[in-house]
Amino acid sequence: MMKIPMSVAAAGLLRSLLARAGANHDRILLIESQSTEWQSLTFIGERHLMSFRVLGPDADEIIANMTFGLGDAEFSIPGQIVADVGLAGAPRQEEDGSIALALEALTIVE
């Protein structure tokens, strides 16, 4: 298994999203993870873009669990606050039966 290098904030966000899905982690493939530093006059943090492929006949249910109420969800990432999170476009059905999904988020340091 190849590990994608990621920041502490990105790794915490990924763990939280996988927990929301309520499925075995081998059903959800992380295709891409990008994090860029972000700052305002008063905050520092990171912008994240994560792309997933969800496999299996109940992929739509897993996607629904992962994304339902996402904008109002509470995340527990030590030292981080998830200031914004949402879909980066609509989920799409792939030719192999999987569903592709991209999420964007902004984390700020507490």
Protein backbone atom coordinates (compact mmCIF):
# COMPACT_ATOMS: atom_id res chain seq x y z
CA MET A 1 0.00 0.00 0.00
CA MET A 2 1.30 3.42 -0.95
CA LYS A 3 0.90 6.21 1.60
CA ILE A 4 0.15 9.71 0.36
CA PRO A 5 2.15 12.29 2.33
CA MET A 6 -0.19 14.74 4.04
CA SER A 7 -0.25 17.29 6.81
CA VAL A 8 -1.64 16.61 10.27
CA ALA A 9 -4.75 18.64 9.39
CA ALA A 10 -5.32 16.72 6.14
CA ALA A 11 -4.83 13.35 7.86
CA GLY A 12 -7.33 14.31 10.57
CA LEU A 13 -9.83 15.48 7.99
CA LEU A 14 -9.45 12.23 6.06
CA ARG A 15 -10.00 10.13 9.22
CA SER A 16 -13.12 12.15 10.05
CA LEU A 17 -14.57 11.79 6.55
CA LEU A 18 -13.94 8.04 6.52
CA ALA A 19 -15.63 7.70 9.91
CA ARG A 20 -18.70 9.57 8.59
CA ALA A 21 -18.97 7.10 5.70
CA GLY A 22 -19.67 4.20 8.06
CA ALA A 23 -18.15 1.63 5.69
CA ASN A 24 -15.04 -0.49 5.53
CA HIS A 25 -12.15 1.71 4.49
CA ASP A 26 -11.22 -0.69 1.69
CA ARG A 27 -14.40 0.44 -0.11
CA ILE A 28 -13.25 4.07 -0.26
CA LEU A 29 -10.16 4.89 -2.30
CA LEU A 30 -8.36 8.18 -1.81
CA ILE A 31 -7.36 9.11 -5.36
CA GLU A 32 -5.83 12.52 -4.71
CA SER A 33 -5.11 14.79 -1.77
CA GLN A 34 -3.85 18.35 -2.14
CA SER A 35 -3.29 20.80 0.69
CA THR A 36 -2.06 24.36 0.34
CA GLU A 37 -1.19 26.83 3.05
CA TRP A 38 -3.76 29.54 3.67
CA GLN A 39 -3.77 32.64 5.84
CA SER A 40 -5.78 35.73 6.58
CA LEU A 41 -4.86 38.67 8.80
CA THR A 42 -5.86 36.71 11.91
CA PHE A 43 -5.81 33.00 11.01
CA ILE A 44 -3.49 30.44 9.47
CA GLY A 45 -4.50 27.10 8.06
CA GLU A 46 -4.78 24.99 4.93
CA ARG A 47 -7.13 24.53 1.99
CA HIS A 48 -7.69 20.88 1.11
CA LEU A 49 -8.99 19.08 -1.96
CA MET A 50 -9.58 15.34 -1.64
CA SER A 51 -10.83 13.06 -4.41
CA PHE A 52 -12.33 9.65 -3.69
CA ARG A 53 -13.69 6.62 -5.55
CA VAL A 54 -16.28 4.56 -3.70
CA LEU A 55 -16.68 0.95 -4.83
CA GLY A 56 -19.49 -1.56 -4.65
CA PRO A 57 -23.21 -1.85 -5.16
CA ASP A 58 -24.05 0.42 -2.19
CA ALA A 59 -21.56 3.14 -3.12
CA ASP A 60 -24.37 5.72 -3.30
CA GLU A 61 -25.33 4.96 0.32
CA ILE A 62 -21.72 5.37 1.46
CA ILE A 63 -21.49 8.70 -0.39
CA ALA A 64 -24.75 9.82 1.23
CA ASN A 65 -23.42 8.97 4.70
CA MET A 66 -20.17 10.79 4.04
CA THR A 67 -21.79 13.96 2.69
CA PHE A 68 -25.14 14.29 4.52
CA GLY A 69 -25.14 17.53 6.53
CA LEU A 70 -21.47 18.02 5.74
CA GLY A 71 -21.61 21.82 5.95
CA ASP A 72 -22.95 21.65 9.52
CA ALA A 73 -20.85 18.69 10.68
CA GLU A 74 -18.58 18.90 13.71
CA PHE A 75 -15.08 17.51 13.25
CA SER A 76 -12.70 16.49 16.01
CA ILE A 77 -9.18 17.18 14.76
CA PRO A 78 -6.73 18.05 17.53
CA GLY A 79 -5.38 21.58 17.15
CA GLN A 80 -7.56 22.29 14.09
CA ILE A 81 -10.96 23.77 13.33
CA VAL A 82 -12.76 22.83 10.12
CA ALA A 83 -14.00 26.26 9.07
CA ASP A 84 -15.58 25.15 5.80
CA VAL A 85 -16.18 21.84 4.05
CA GLY A 86 -18.29 20.82 1.08
CA LEU A 87 -18.55 19.05 -2.25
CA ALA A 88 -16.33 20.18 -5.11
CA GLY A 89 -18.89 19.32 -7.77
CA ALA A 90 -21.52 16.62 -7.92
CA PRO A 91 -20.62 12.95 -7.39
CA ARG A 92 -20.42 11.10 -10.70
CA GLN A 93 -20.95 7.50 -11.72
CA GLU A 94 -17.89 5.97 -13.37
CA GLU A 95 -17.89 3.29 -16.09
CA ASP A 96 -16.69 0.64 -13.64
CA GLY A 97 -19.71 1.23 -11.36
CA SER A 98 -17.81 3.22 -8.75
CA ILE A 99 -18.76 6.74 -7.76
CA ALA A 100 -16.21 9.57 -7.90
CA LEU A 101 -16.44 12.31 -5.30
CA ALA A 102 -14.34 15.42 -4.57
CA LEU A 103 -14.47 17.43 -1.35
CA GLU A 104 -12.97 20.82 -0.47
CA ALA A 105 -12.24 22.04 3.05
CA LEU A 106 -10.56 24.83 4.95
CA THR A 107 -8.89 24.02 8.26
CA ILE A 108 -7.50 26.67 10.58
CA VAL A 109 -5.14 26.29 13.50
CA GLU A 110 -6.81 26.68 16.91
